[in-house]
Amino acid sequence: MSELAEQDVMSRLIRLEQKMNDLDRSVDALIDELESLEAVARELKLTESVDKFDKYIEEVGQIKEDLSCKLSDEIENEQMRELVEARMKTVPVDIENLRNEYSSVRGKLAELREELRKSRSSKSD
């Protein structure tokens, strides 16, 4: 997957997460409204309506639970999968850079050792 395609997927996942958060807020508002209506129905002794509101609140609560648990976890898993896959592509380059830097440092150390050896041998002469 190209970097542009990866960015597009991540962007869509972020938008999906934002939509999920908006839905969560809508669910909270609907639950609040249903609870208020249920209280009014209870005061008016509308037993049938109270039972319906209880059922609705339960259904909406289940949707909220699914949103906040299952869907959220799935989105997070996809985001993490994308990050892992993207990082897996860059790790070999990082390793190669480390190898090159290590070789460079080893070469400079060898040069310094040689200079020190020459310096010591010239002092002892």
PDB file of N, CA and C in Angstrom:
ATOM      1  N   MET A   1       0.850  -1.171   0.000  1.00  0.00           N
ATOM      2  CA  MET A   1       0.000   0.000   0.000  1.00  0.00           C
ATOM      3  C   MET A   1       0.896   1.234   0.000  1.00  0.00           C
ATOM      4  N   SER A   2       0.589   2.160  -0.889  1.00  0.00           N
ATOM      5  CA  SER A   2       1.397   3.365  -0.979  1.00  0.00           C
ATOM      6  C   SER A   2       1.185   4.237   0.251  1.00  0.00           C
ATOM      7  N   GLU A   3       2.113   5.160   0.445  1.00  0.00           N
ATOM      8  CA  GLU A   3       2.015   6.052   1.604  1.00  0.00           C
ATOM      9  C   GLU A   3       0.746   6.897   1.520  1.00  0.00           C
ATOM     10  N   LEU A   4       0.385   7.309   0.316  1.00  0.00           N
ATOM     11  CA  LEU A   4      -0.828   8.108   0.124  1.00  0.00           C
ATOM     12  C   LEU A   4      -2.068   7.288   0.471  1.00  0.00           C
ATOM     13  N   ALA A   5      -2.081   6.026   0.071  1.00  0.00           N
ATOM     14  CA  ALA A   5      -3.214   5.151   0.400  1.00  0.00           C
ATOM     15  C   ALA A   5      -3.289   4.908   1.902  1.00  0.00           C
ATOM     16  N   GLU A   6      -2.127   4.738   2.546  1.00  0.00           N
ATOM     17  CA  GLU A   6      -2.095   4.548   3.998  1.00  0.00           C
ATOM     18  C   GLU A   6      -2.646   5.775   4.713  1.00  0.00           C
ATOM     19  N   GLN A   7      -2.235   6.951   4.244  1.00  0.00           N
ATOM     20  CA  GLN A   7      -2.736   8.187   4.846  1.00  0.00           C
ATOM     21  C   GLN A   7      -4.247   8.304   4.663  1.00  0.00           C
ATOM     22  N   ASP A   8      -4.734   7.886   3.497  1.00  0.00           N
ATOM     23  CA  ASP A   8      -6.167   7.930   3.229  1.00  0.00           C
ATOM     24  C   ASP A   8      -6.910   7.002   4.187  1.00  0.00           C
ATOM     25  N   VAL A   9      -6.388   5.797   4.396  1.00  0.00           N
ATOM     26  CA  VAL A   9      -7.019   4.846   5.310  1.00  0.00           C
ATOM     27  C   VAL A   9      -7.027   5.412   6.723  1.00  0.00           C
ATOM     28  N   MET A  10      -5.889   5.957   7.168  1.00  0.00           N
ATOM     29  CA  MET A  10      -5.820   6.525   8.512  1.00  0.00           C
ATOM     30  C   MET A  10      -6.795   7.694   8.650  1.00  0.00           C
ATOM     31  N   SER A  11      -6.885   8.511   7.626  1.00  0.00           N
ATOM     32  CA  SER A  11      -7.803   9.649   7.651  1.00  0.00           C
ATOM     33  C   SER A  11      -9.248   9.162   7.752  1.00  0.00           C
ATOM     34  N   ARG A  12      -9.584   8.127   6.992  1.00  0.00           N
ATOM     35  CA  ARG A  12     -10.935   7.585   7.052  1.00  0.00           C
ATOM     36  C   ARG A  12     -11.212   6.950   8.412  1.00  0.00           C
ATOM     37  N   LEU A  13     -10.216   6.294   8.994  1.00  0.00           N
ATOM     38  CA  LEU A  13     -10.399   5.716  10.326  1.00  0.00           C
ATOM     39  C   LEU A  13     -10.639   6.808  11.361  1.00  0.00           C
ATOM     40  N   ILE A  14      -9.913   7.900  11.247  1.00  0.00           N
ATOM     41  CA  ILE A  14     -10.088   9.023  12.181  1.00  0.00           C
ATOM     42  C   ILE A  14     -11.489   9.619  12.024  1.00  0.00           C
ATOM     43  N   ARG A  15     -11.937   9.783  10.765  1.00  0.00           N
ATOM     44  CA  ARG A  15     -13.292  10.307  10.543  1.00  0.00           C
ATOM     45  C   ARG A  15     -14.343   9.353  11.099  1.00  0.00           C
ATOM     46  N   LEU A  16     -14.114   8.056  10.938  1.00  0.00           N
ATOM     47  CA  LEU A  16     -15.039   7.063  11.473  1.00  0.00           C
ATOM     48  C   LEU A  16     -15.084   7.136  12.994  1.00  0.00           C
ATOM     49  N   GLU A  17     -13.923   7.325  13.599  1.00  0.00           N
ATOM     50  CA  GLU A  17     -13.869   7.460  15.054  1.00  0.00           C
ATOM     51  C   GLU A  17     -14.622   8.714  15.503  1.00  0.00           C
ATOM     52  N   GLN A  18     -14.463   9.813  14.757  1.00  0.00           N
ATOM     53  CA  GLN A  18     -15.183  11.039  15.090  1.00  0.00           C
ATOM     54  C   GLN A  18     -16.697  10.842  14.955  1.00  0.00           C
ATOM     55  N   LYS A  19     -17.092  10.130  13.902  1.00  0.00           N
ATOM     56  CA  LYS A  19     -18.525   9.857  13.714  1.00  0.00           C
ATOM     57  C   LYS A  19     -19.041   8.996  14.864  1.00  0.00           C
ATOM     58  N   MET A  20     -18.238   8.030  15.285  1.00  0.00           N
ATOM     59  CA  MET A  20     -18.626   7.183  16.401  1.00  0.00           C
ATOM     60  C   MET A  20     -18.799   8.026  17.670  1.00  0.00           C
ATOM     61  N   ASN A  21     -17.899   8.972  17.891  1.00  0.00           N
ATOM     62  CA  ASN A  21     -18.009   9.849  19.056  1.00  0.00           C
ATOM     63  C   ASN A  21     -19.269  10.717  18.970  1.00  0.00           C
ATOM     64  N   ASP A  22     -19.593  11.199  17.763  1.00  0.00           N
ATOM     65  CA  ASP A  22     -20.827  11.971  17.571  1.00  0.00           C
ATOM     66  C   ASP A  22     -22.052  11.109  17.882  1.00  0.00           C
ATOM     67  N   LEU A  23     -22.029   9.860  17.408  1.00  0.00           N
ATOM     68  CA  LEU A  23     -23.134   8.944  17.698  1.00  0.00           C
ATOM     69  C   LEU A  23     -23.252   8.694  19.194  1.00  0.00           C
ATOM     70  N   ASP A  24     -22.133   8.579  19.855  1.00  0.00           N
ATOM     71  CA  ASP A  24     -22.139   8.359  21.303  1.00  0.00           C
ATOM     72  C   ASP A  24     -22.814   9.525  22.018  1.00  0.00           C
ATOM     73  N   ARG A  25     -22.487  10.748  21.580  1.00  0.00           N
ATOM     74  CA  ARG A  25     -23.127  11.926  22.179  1.00  0.00           C
ATOM     75  C   ARG A  25     -24.634  11.937  21.869  1.00  0.00           C
ATOM     76  N   SER A  26     -25.008  11.542  20.658  1.00  0.00           N
ATOM     77  CA  SER A  26     -26.425  11.479  20.295  1.00  0.00           C
ATOM     78  C   SER A  26     -27.157  10.445  21.137  1.00  0.00           C
ATOM     79  N   VAL A  27     -26.515   9.317  21.372  1.00  0.00           N
ATOM     80  CA  VAL A  27     -27.108   8.273  22.210  1.00  0.00           C
ATOM     81  C   VAL A  27     -27.333   8.812  23.620  1.00  0.00           C
ATOM     82  N   ASP A  28     -26.328   9.508  24.162  1.00  0.00           N
ATOM     83  CA  ASP A  28     -26.475  10.083  25.505  1.00  0.00           C
ATOM     84  C   ASP A  28     -27.663  11.042  25.558  1.00  0.00           C
ATOM     85  N   ALA A  29     -27.791  11.880  24.522  1.00  0.00           N
ATOM     86  CA  ALA A  29     -28.901  12.842  24.487  1.00  0.00           C
ATOM     87  C   ALA A  29     -30.237  12.113  24.391  1.00  0.00           C
ATOM     88  N   LEU A  30     -30.290  11.054  23.582  1.00  0.00           N
ATOM     89  CA  LEU A  30     -31.534  10.297  23.440  1.00  0.00           C
ATOM     90  C   LEU A  30     -31.902   9.603  24.746  1.00  0.00           C
ATOM     91  N   ILE A  31     -30.913   9.051  25.425  1.00  0.00           N
ATOM     92  CA  ILE A  31     -31.182   8.410  26.721  1.00  0.00           C
ATOM     93  C   ILE A  31     -31.724   9.441  27.709  1.00  0.00           C
ATOM     94  N   ASP A  32     -31.106  10.616  27.744  1.00  0.00           N
ATOM     95  CA  ASP A  32     -31.590  11.676  28.637  1.00  0.00           C
ATOM     96  C   ASP A  32     -33.052  12.030  28.324  1.00  0.00           C
ATOM     97  N   GLU A  33     -33.350  12.171  27.046  1.00  0.00           N
ATOM     98  CA  GLU A  33     -34.716  12.516  26.641  1.00  0.00           C
ATOM     99  C   GLU A  33     -35.694  11.398  27.021  1.00  0.00           C
ATOM    100  N   LEU A  34     -35.309  10.151  26.746  1.00  0.00           N
ATOM    101  CA  LEU A  34     -36.187   9.022  27.086  1.00  0.00           C
ATOM    102  C   LEU A  34     -36.417   8.925  28.585  1.00  0.00           C
ATOM    103  N   GLU A  35     -35.388   9.169  29.366  1.00  0.00           N
ATOM    104  CA  GLU A  35     -35.544   9.124  30.826  1.00  0.00           C
ATOM    105  C   GLU A  35     -36.486  10.227  31.307  1.00  0.00           C
ATOM    106  N   SER A  36     -36.380  11.403  30.694  1.00  0.00           N
ATOM    107  CA  SER A  36     -37.292  12.496  31.058  1.00  0.00           C
ATOM    108  C   SER A  36     -38.735  12.150  30.702  1.00  0.00           C
ATOM    109  N   LEU A  37     -38.922  11.624  29.500  1.00  0.00           N
ATOM    110  CA  LEU A  37     -40.271  11.242  29.076  1.00  0.00           C
ATOM    111  C   LEU A  37     -40.820  10.116  29.948  1.00  0.00           C
ATOM    112  N   GLU A  38     -39.959   9.202  30.315  1.00  0.00           N
ATOM    113  CA  GLU A  38     -40.374   8.110  31.194  1.00  0.00           C
ATOM    114  C   GLU A  38     -40.833   8.658  32.547  1.00  0.00           C
ATOM    115  N   ALA A  39     -40.105   9.639  33.069  1.00  0.00           N
ATOM    116  CA  ALA A  39     -40.482  10.241  34.353  1.00  0.00           C
ATOM    117  C   ALA A  39     -41.841  10.921  34.249  1.00  0.00           C
ATOM    118  N   VAL A  40     -42.064  11.612  33.137  1.00  0.00           N
ATOM    119  CA  VAL A  40     -43.362  12.268  32.930  1.00  0.00           C
ATOM    120  C   VAL A  40     -44.471  11.216  32.833  1.00  0.00           C
ATOM    121  N   ALA A  41     -44.212  10.156  32.068  1.00  0.00           N
ATOM    122  CA  ALA A  41     -45.212   9.087  31.918  1.00  0.00           C
ATOM    123  C   ALA A  41     -45.499   8.421  33.263  1.00  0.00           C
ATOM    124  N   ARG A  42     -44.479   8.272  34.075  1.00  0.00           N
ATOM    125  CA  ARG A  42     -44.656   7.673  35.407  1.00  0.00           C
ATOM    126  C   ARG A  42     -45.538   8.578  36.267  1.00  0.00           C
ATOM    127  N   GLU A  43     -45.286   9.882  36.206  1.00  0.00           N
ATOM    128  CA  GLU A  43     -46.090  10.824  37.002  1.00  0.00           C
ATOM    129  C   GLU A  43     -47.547  10.817  36.557  1.00  0.00           C
ATOM    130  N   LEU A  44     -47.739  10.637  35.243  1.00  0.00           N
ATOM    131  CA  LEU A  44     -49.103  10.613  34.711  1.00  0.00           C
ATOM    132  C   LEU A  44     -49.727   9.221  34.797  1.00  0.00           C
ATOM    133  N   LYS A  45     -48.977   8.301  35.417  1.00  0.00           N
ATOM    134  CA  LYS A  45     -49.432   6.918  35.609  1.00  0.00           C
ATOM    135  C   LYS A  45     -49.787   6.244  34.279  1.00  0.00           C
ATOM    136  N   LEU A  46     -48.940   6.513  33.277  1.00  0.00           N
ATOM    137  CA  LEU A  46     -49.095   5.878  31.966  1.00  0.00           C
ATOM    138  C   LEU A  46     -48.188   4.648  31.924  1.00  0.00           C
ATOM    139  N   THR A  47     -48.622   3.594  32.575  1.00  0.00           N
ATOM    140  CA  THR A  47     -47.817   2.391  32.778  1.00  0.00           C
ATOM    141  C   THR A  47     -47.307   1.804  31.468  1.00  0.00           C
ATOM    142  N   GLU A  48     -48.182   1.759  30.467  1.00  0.00           N
ATOM    143  CA  GLU A  48     -47.778   1.195  29.180  1.00  0.00           C
ATOM    144  C   GLU A  48     -46.641   2.004  28.571  1.00  0.00           C
ATOM    145  N   SER A  49     -46.741   3.310  28.659  1.00  0.00           N
ATOM    146  CA  SER A  49     -45.696   4.186  28.124  1.00  0.00           C
ATOM    147  C   SER A  49     -44.391   4.024  28.914  1.00  0.00           C
ATOM    148  N   VAL A  50     -44.503   3.900  30.222  1.00  0.00           N
ATOM    149  CA  VAL A  50     -43.310   3.706  31.059  1.00  0.00           C
ATOM    150  C   VAL A  50     -42.586   2.430  30.633  1.00  0.00           C
ATOM    151  N   ASP A  51     -43.377   1.357  30.400  1.00  0.00           N
ATOM    152  CA  ASP A  51     -42.772   0.091  29.979  1.00  0.00           C
ATOM    153  C   ASP A  51     -42.068   0.244  28.620  1.00  0.00           C
ATOM    154  N   LYS A  52     -42.705   0.969  27.699  1.00  0.00           N
ATOM    155  CA  LYS A  52     -42.085   1.191  26.380  1.00  0.00           C
ATOM    156  C   LYS A  52     -40.791   1.999  26.522  1.00  0.00           C
ATOM    157  N   PHE A  53     -40.831   3.035  27.339  1.00  0.00           N
ATOM    158  CA  PHE A  53     -39.630   3.845  27.526  1.00  0.00           C
ATOM    159  C   PHE A  53     -38.501   3.019  28.159  1.00  0.00           C
ATOM    160  N   ASP A  54     -38.864   2.146  29.092  1.00  0.00           N
ATOM    161  CA  ASP A  54     -37.861   1.250  29.678  1.00  0.00           C
ATOM    162  C   ASP A  54     -37.202   0.399  28.593  1.00  0.00           C
ATOM    163  N   LYS A  55     -38.046  -0.135  27.722  1.00  0.00           N
ATOM    164  CA  LYS A  55     -37.537  -0.972  26.629  1.00  0.00           C
ATOM    165  C   LYS A  55     -36.632  -0.152  25.707  1.00  0.00           C
ATOM    166  N   TYR A  56     -37.091   1.039  25.352  1.00  0.00           N
ATOM    167  CA  TYR A  56     -36.298   1.903  24.468  1.00  0.00           C
ATOM    168  C   TYR A  56     -34.953   2.258  25.111  1.00  0.00           C
ATOM    169  N   ILE A  57     -34.990   2.606  26.379  1.00  0.00           N
ATOM    170  CA  ILE A  57     -33.763   2.968  27.091  1.00  0.00           C
ATOM    171  C   ILE A  57     -32.801   1.786  27.093  1.00  0.00           C
ATOM    172  N   GLU A  58     -33.333   0.589  27.289  1.00  0.00           N
ATOM    173  CA  GLU A  58     -32.493  -0.615  27.280  1.00  0.00           C
ATOM    174  C   GLU A  58     -31.861  -0.829  25.899  1.00  0.00           C
ATOM    175  N   GLU A  59     -32.672  -0.669  24.826  1.00  0.00           N
ATOM    176  CA  GLU A  59     -32.160  -0.837  23.463  1.00  0.00           C
ATOM    177  C   GLU A  59     -31.070   0.186  23.157  1.00  0.00           C
ATOM    178  N   VAL A  60     -31.338   1.430  23.487  1.00  0.00           N
ATOM    179  CA  VAL A  60     -30.364   2.496  23.231  1.00  0.00           C
ATOM    180  C   VAL A  60     -29.107   2.270  24.069  1.00  0.00           C
ATOM    181  N   GLY A  61     -29.282   1.818  25.295  1.00  0.00           N
ATOM    182  CA  GLY A  61     -28.134   1.510  26.149  1.00  0.00           C
ATOM    183  C   GLY A  61     -27.260   0.416  25.544  1.00  0.00           C
ATOM    184  N   GLN A  62     -27.904  -0.589  24.941  1.00  0.00           N
ATOM    185  CA  GLN A  62     -27.140  -1.667  24.290  1.00  0.00           C
ATOM    186  C   GLN A  62     -26.362  -1.134  23.091  1.00  0.00           C
ATOM    187  N   ILE A  63     -27.004  -0.262  22.329  1.00  0.00           N
ATOM    188  CA  ILE A  63     -26.315   0.358  21.185  1.00  0.00           C
ATOM    189  C   ILE A  63     -25.112   1.152  21.683  1.00  0.00           C
ATOM    190  N   LYS A  64     -25.304   1.916  22.756  1.00  0.00           N
ATOM    191  CA  LYS A  64     -24.205   2.710  23.322  1.00  0.00           C
ATOM    192  C   LYS A  64     -23.059   1.803  23.759  1.00  0.00           C
ATOM    193  N   GLU A  65     -23.394   0.694  24.398  1.00  0.00           N
ATOM    194  CA  GLU A  65     -22.358  -0.231  24.855  1.00  0.00           C
ATOM    195  C   GLU A  65     -21.584  -0.789  23.662  1.00  0.00           C
ATOM    196  N   ASP A  66     -22.315  -1.178  22.609  1.00  0.00           N
ATOM    197  CA  ASP A  66     -21.653  -1.697  21.412  1.00  0.00           C
ATOM    198  C   ASP A  66     -20.763  -0.636  20.775  1.00  0.00           C
ATOM    199  N   LEU A  67     -21.265   0.594  20.742  1.00  0.00           N
ATOM    200  CA  LEU A  67     -20.479   1.694  20.163  1.00  0.00           C
ATOM    201  C   LEU A  67     -19.197   1.906  20.938  1.00  0.00           C
ATOM    202  N   SER A  68     -19.333   1.992  22.248  1.00  0.00           N
ATOM    203  CA  SER A  68     -18.174   2.362  23.053  1.00  0.00           C
ATOM    204  C   SER A  68     -17.200   1.208  23.243  1.00  0.00           C
ATOM    205  N   CYS A  69     -17.661  -0.017  23.106  1.00  0.00           N
ATOM    206  CA  CYS A  69     -16.760  -1.157  23.332  1.00  0.00           C
ATOM    207  C   CYS A  69     -16.315  -1.787  22.025  1.00  0.00           C
ATOM    208  N   LYS A  70     -17.243  -2.428  21.368  1.00  0.00           N
ATOM    209  CA  LYS A  70     -16.896  -3.218  20.181  1.00  0.00           C
ATOM    210  C   LYS A  70     -16.370  -2.363  19.040  1.00  0.00           C
ATOM    211  N   LEU A  71     -17.144  -1.374  18.635  1.00  0.00           N
ATOM    212  CA  LEU A  71     -16.757  -0.560  17.491  1.00  0.00           C
ATOM    213  C   LEU A  71     -15.491   0.233  17.781  1.00  0.00           C
ATOM    214  N   SER A  72     -15.410   0.794  18.971  1.00  0.00           N
ATOM    215  CA  SER A  72     -14.227   1.554  19.358  1.00  0.00           C
ATOM    216  C   SER A  72     -12.977   0.674  19.306  1.00  0.00           C
ATOM    217  N   ASP A  73     -13.091  -0.548  19.825  1.00  0.00           N
ATOM    218  CA  ASP A  73     -11.951  -1.467  19.799  1.00  0.00           C
ATOM    219  C   ASP A  73     -11.565  -1.824  18.373  1.00  0.00           C
ATOM    220  N   GLU A  74     -12.564  -2.034  17.523  1.00  0.00           N
ATOM    221  CA  GLU A  74     -12.269  -2.382  16.128  1.00  0.00           C
ATOM    222  C   GLU A  74     -11.548  -1.242  15.415  1.00  0.00           C
ATOM    223  N   ILE A  75     -12.009  -0.023  15.634  1.00  0.00           N
ATOM    224  CA  ILE A  75     -11.354   1.136  15.008  1.00  0.00           C
ATOM    225  C   ILE A  75      -9.934   1.271  15.530  1.00  0.00           C
ATOM    226  N   GLU A  76      -9.773   1.159  16.837  1.00  0.00           N
ATOM    227  CA  GLU A  76      -8.437   1.271  17.427  1.00  0.00           C
ATOM    228  C   GLU A  76      -7.520   0.166  16.899  1.00  0.00           C
ATOM    229  N   ASN A  77      -8.036  -1.044  16.772  1.00  0.00           N
ATOM    230  CA  ASN A  77      -7.233  -2.147  16.246  1.00  0.00           C
ATOM    231  C   ASN A  77      -6.787  -1.866  14.812  1.00  0.00           C
ATOM    232  N   GLU A  78      -7.686  -1.328  14.004  1.00  0.00           N
ATOM    233  CA  GLU A  78      -7.316  -1.002  12.624  1.00  0.00           C
ATOM    234  C   GLU A  78      -6.256   0.091  12.585  1.00  0.00           C
ATOM    235  N   GLN A  79      -6.402   1.098  13.443  1.00  0.00           N
ATOM    236  CA  GLN A  79      -5.402   2.166  13.489  1.00  0.00           C
ATOM    237  C   GLN A  79      -4.045   1.603  13.893  1.00  0.00           C
ATOM    238  N   MET A  80      -4.045   0.751  14.897  1.00  0.00           N
ATOM    239  CA  MET A  80      -2.783   0.160  15.356  1.00  0.00           C
ATOM    240  C   MET A  80      -2.189  -0.745  14.280  1.00  0.00           C
ATOM    241  N   ARG A  81      -3.043  -1.491  13.584  1.00  0.00           N
ATOM    242  CA  ARG A  81      -2.568  -2.356  12.500  1.00  0.00           C
ATOM    243  C   ARG A  81      -1.886  -1.514  11.423  1.00  0.00           C
ATOM    244  N   GLU A  82      -2.515  -0.399  11.076  1.00  0.00           N
ATOM    245  CA  GLU A  82      -1.929   0.488  10.061  1.00  0.00           C
ATOM    246  C   GLU A  82      -0.580   1.035  10.525  1.00  0.00           C
ATOM    247  N   LEU A  83      -0.516   1.446  11.799  1.00  0.00           N
ATOM    248  CA  LEU A  83       0.745   1.965  12.326  1.00  0.00           C
ATOM    249  C   LEU A  83       1.834   0.903  12.321  1.00  0.00           C
ATOM    250  N   VAL A  84       1.470  -0.314  12.723  1.00  0.00           N
ATOM    251  CA  VAL A  84       2.446  -1.406  12.753  1.00  0.00           C
ATOM    252  C   VAL A  84       2.936  -1.710  11.344  1.00  0.00           C
ATOM    253  N   GLU A  85       2.002  -1.806  10.402  1.00  0.00           N
ATOM    254  CA  GLU A  85       2.394  -2.112   9.032  1.00  0.00           C
ATOM    255  C   GLU A  85       3.271  -1.010   8.442  1.00  0.00           C
ATOM    256  N   ALA A  86       2.942   0.231   8.726  1.00  0.00           N
ATOM    257  CA  ALA A  86       3.757   1.345   8.226  1.00  0.00           C
ATOM    258  C   ALA A  86       5.157   1.297   8.840  1.00  0.00           C
ATOM    259  N   ARG A  87       5.216   1.019  10.117  1.00  0.00           N
ATOM    260  CA  ARG A  87       6.521   0.962  10.809  1.00  0.00           C
ATOM    261  C   ARG A  87       7.358  -0.207  10.320  1.00  0.00           C
ATOM    262  N   MET A  88       6.706  -1.324  10.013  1.00  0.00           N
ATOM    263  CA  MET A  88       7.432  -2.492   9.524  1.00  0.00           C
ATOM    264  C   MET A  88       8.164  -2.173   8.217  1.00  0.00           C
ATOM    265  N   LYS A  89       7.630  -1.253   7.453  1.00  0.00           N
ATOM    266  CA  LYS A  89       8.275  -0.870   6.200  1.00  0.00           C
ATOM    267  C   LYS A  89       9.509  -0.015   6.437  1.00  0.00           C
ATOM    268  N   THR A  90       9.535   0.722   7.539  1.00  0.00           N
ATOM    269  CA  THR A  90      10.668   1.628   7.782  1.00  0.00           C
ATOM    270  C   THR A  90      11.756   1.004   8.647  1.00  0.00           C
ATOM    271  N   VAL A  91      11.440  -0.070   9.353  1.00  0.00           N
ATOM    272  CA  VAL A  91      12.429  -0.691  10.244  1.00  0.00           C
ATOM    273  C   VAL A  91      13.673  -1.161   9.485  1.00  0.00           C
ATOM    274  N   PRO A  92      13.544  -1.833   8.341  1.00  0.00           N
ATOM    275  CA  PRO A  92      14.762  -2.254   7.625  1.00  0.00           C
ATOM    276  C   PRO A  92      15.677  -1.080   7.264  1.00  0.00           C
ATOM    277  N   VAL A  93      15.093   0.037   6.914  1.00  0.00           N
ATOM    278  CA  VAL A  93      15.895   1.228   6.588  1.00  0.00           C
ATOM    279  C   VAL A  93      16.609   1.718   7.840  1.00  0.00           C
ATOM    280  N   ASP A  94      15.899   1.737   8.966  1.00  0.00           N
ATOM    281  CA  ASP A  94      16.518   2.148  10.232  1.00  0.00           C
ATOM    282  C   ASP A  94      17.668   1.227  10.605  1.00  0.00           C
ATOM    283  N   ILE A  95      17.471  -0.068  10.405  1.00  0.00           N
ATOM    284  CA  ILE A  95      18.532  -1.033  10.721  1.00  0.00           C
ATOM    285  C   ILE A  95      19.740  -0.799   9.819  1.00  0.00           C
ATOM    286  N   GLU A  96      19.488  -0.580   8.546  1.00  0.00           N
ATOM    287  CA  GLU A  96      20.594  -0.335   7.612  1.00  0.00           C
ATOM    288  C   GLU A  96      21.340   0.949   7.987  1.00  0.00           C
ATOM    289  N   ASN A  97      20.606   1.972   8.380  1.00  0.00           N
ATOM    290  CA  ASN A  97      21.251   3.220   8.810  1.00  0.00           C
ATOM    291  C   ASN A  97      22.113   2.983  10.048  1.00  0.00           C
ATOM    292  N   LEU A  98      21.594   2.199  10.987  1.00  0.00           N
ATOM    293  CA  LEU A  98      22.384   1.883  12.185  1.00  0.00           C
ATOM    294  C   LEU A  98      23.648   1.115  11.825  1.00  0.00           C
ATOM    295  N   ARG A  99      23.513   0.155  10.925  1.00  0.00           N
ATOM    296  CA  ARG A  99      24.700  -0.603  10.475  1.00  0.00           C
ATOM    297  C   ARG A  99      25.743   0.329   9.869  1.00  0.00           C
ATOM    298  N   ASN A 100      25.279   1.231   9.015  1.00  0.00           N
ATOM    299  CA  ASN A 100      26.202   2.171   8.369  1.00  0.00           C
ATOM    300  C   ASN A 100      26.882   3.073   9.394  1.00  0.00           C
ATOM    301  N   GLU A 101      26.096   3.579  10.335  1.00  0.00           N
ATOM    302  CA  GLU A 101      26.669   4.433  11.378  1.00  0.00           C
ATOM    303  C   GLU A 101      27.652   3.646  12.244  1.00  0.00           C
ATOM    304  N   TYR A 102      27.299   2.409  12.570  1.00  0.00           N
ATOM    305  CA  TYR A 102      28.176   1.548  13.361  1.00  0.00           C
ATOM    306  C   TYR A 102      29.498   1.328  12.619  1.00  0.00           C
ATOM    307  N   SER A 103      29.404   1.030  11.334  1.00  0.00           N
ATOM    308  CA  SER A 103      30.625   0.818  10.544  1.00  0.00           C
ATOM    309  C   SER A 103      31.474   2.082  10.500  1.00  0.00           C
ATOM    310  N   SER A 104      30.806   3.208  10.359  1.00  0.00           N
ATOM    311  CA  SER A 104      31.516   4.480  10.323  1.00  0.00           C
ATOM    312  C   SER A 104      32.259   4.731  11.639  1.00  0.00           C
ATOM    313  N   VAL A 105      31.563   4.495  12.761  1.00  0.00           N
ATOM    314  CA  VAL A 105      32.181   4.693  14.074  1.00  0.00           C
ATOM    315  C   VAL A 105      33.346   3.729  14.262  1.00  0.00           C
ATOM    316  N   ARG A 106      33.147   2.475  13.849  1.00  0.00           N
ATOM    317  CA  ARG A 106      34.232   1.486  13.964  1.00  0.00           C
ATOM    318  C   ARG A 106      35.439   1.923  13.136  1.00  0.00           C
ATOM    319  N   GLY A 107      35.182   2.463  11.941  1.00  0.00           N
ATOM    320  CA  GLY A 107      36.269   2.940  11.079  1.00  0.00           C
ATOM    321  C   GLY A 107      37.009   4.107  11.726  1.00  0.00           C
ATOM    322  N   LYS A 108      36.276   5.040  12.304  1.00  0.00           N
ATOM    323  CA  LYS A 108      36.912   6.187  12.968  1.00  0.00           C
ATOM    324  C   LYS A 108      37.700   5.741  14.188  1.00  0.00           C
ATOM    325  N   LEU A 109      37.162   4.759  14.920  1.00  0.00           N
ATOM    326  CA  LEU A 109      37.884   4.221  16.072  1.00  0.00           C
ATOM    327  C   LEU A 109      39.192   3.573  15.627  1.00  0.00           C
ATOM    328  N   ALA A 110      39.147   2.843  14.533  1.00  0.00           N
ATOM    329  CA  ALA A 110      40.364   2.212  14.006  1.00  0.00           C
ATOM    330  C   ALA A 110      41.389   3.274  13.607  1.00  0.00           C
ATOM    331  N   GLU A 111      40.919   4.364  13.005  1.00  0.00           N
ATOM    332  CA  GLU A 111      41.821   5.460  12.626  1.00  0.00           C
ATOM    333  C   GLU A 111      42.471   6.078  13.869  1.00  0.00           C
ATOM    334  N   LEU A 112      41.660   6.335  14.893  1.00  0.00           N
ATOM    335  CA  LEU A 112      42.197   6.914  16.130  1.00  0.00           C
ATOM    336  C   LEU A 112      43.205   5.974  16.790  1.00  0.00           C
ATOM    337  N   ARG A 113      42.926   4.705  16.799  1.00  0.00           N
ATOM    338  CA  ARG A 113      43.861   3.741  17.373  1.00  0.00           C
ATOM    339  C   ARG A 113      45.183   3.762  16.620  1.00  0.00           C
ATOM    340  N   GLU A 114      45.074   3.849  15.303  1.00  0.00           N
ATOM    341  CA  GLU A 114      46.292   3.886  14.488  1.00  0.00           C
ATOM    342  C   GLU A 114      47.088   5.152  14.790  1.00  0.00           C
ATOM    343  N   GLU A 115      46.407   6.283  14.902  1.00  0.00           N
ATOM    344  CA  GLU A 115      47.088   7.536  15.243  1.00  0.00           C
ATOM    345  C   GLU A 115      47.754   7.429  16.611  1.00  0.00           C
ATOM    346  N   LEU A 116      47.039   6.876  17.577  1.00  0.00           N
ATOM    347  CA  LEU A 116      47.618   6.699  18.914  1.00  0.00           C
ATOM    348  C   LEU A 116      48.833   5.773  18.862  1.00  0.00           C
ATOM    349  N   ARG A 117      48.725   4.699  18.121  1.00  0.00           N
ATOM    350  CA  ARG A 117      49.854   3.773  18.000  1.00  0.00           C
ATOM    351  C   ARG A 117      51.065   4.477  17.391  1.00  0.00           C
ATOM    352  N   LYS A 118      50.831   5.264  16.319  1.00  0.00           N
ATOM    353  CA  LYS A 118      51.925   5.998  15.680  1.00  0.00           C
ATOM    354  C   LYS A 118      52.501   7.029  16.641  1.00  0.00           C
ATOM    355  N   SER A 119      51.628   7.717  17.378  1.00  0.00           N
ATOM    356  CA  SER A 119      52.081   8.717  18.335  1.00  0.00           C
ATOM    357  C   SER A 119      52.947   8.092  19.416  1.00  0.00           C
ATOM    358  N   ARG A 120      52.538   6.947  19.911  1.00  0.00           N
ATOM    359  CA  ARG A 120      53.319   6.254  20.954  1.00  0.00           C
ATOM    360  C   ARG A 120      54.654   5.774  20.411  1.00  0.00           C
ATOM    361  N   SER A 121      54.610   5.256  19.185  1.00  0.00           N
ATOM    362  CA  SER A 121      55.871   4.737  18.639  1.00  0.00           C
ATOM    363  C   SER A 121      56.833   5.882  18.332  1.00  0.00           C
ATOM    364  N   SER A 122      56.329   7.045  17.927  1.00  0.00           N
ATOM    365  CA  SER A 122      57.210   8.174  17.649  1.00  0.00           C
ATOM    366  C   SER A 122      57.759   8.756  18.932  1.00  0.00           C
ATOM    367  N   LYS A 123      57.041   8.692  20.040  1.00  0.00           N
ATOM    368  CA  LYS A 123      57.503   9.185  21.321  1.00  0.00           C
ATOM    369  C   LYS A 123      58.596   8.272  21.882  1.00  0.00           C
ATOM    370  N   SER A 124      58.455   6.989  21.634  1.00  0.00           N
ATOM    371  CA  SER A 124      59.441   6.072  22.194  1.00  0.00           C
ATOM    372  C   SER A 124      60.740   6.091  21.395  1.00  0.00           C
ATOM    373  N   ASP A 125      60.741   6.644  20.210  1.00  0.00           N
ATOM    374  CA  ASP A 125      61.973   6.729  19.420  1.00  0.00           C
ATOM    375  C   ASP A 125      62.881   7.786  19.885  1.00  0.00           C
TER     376      ASP A 125
END
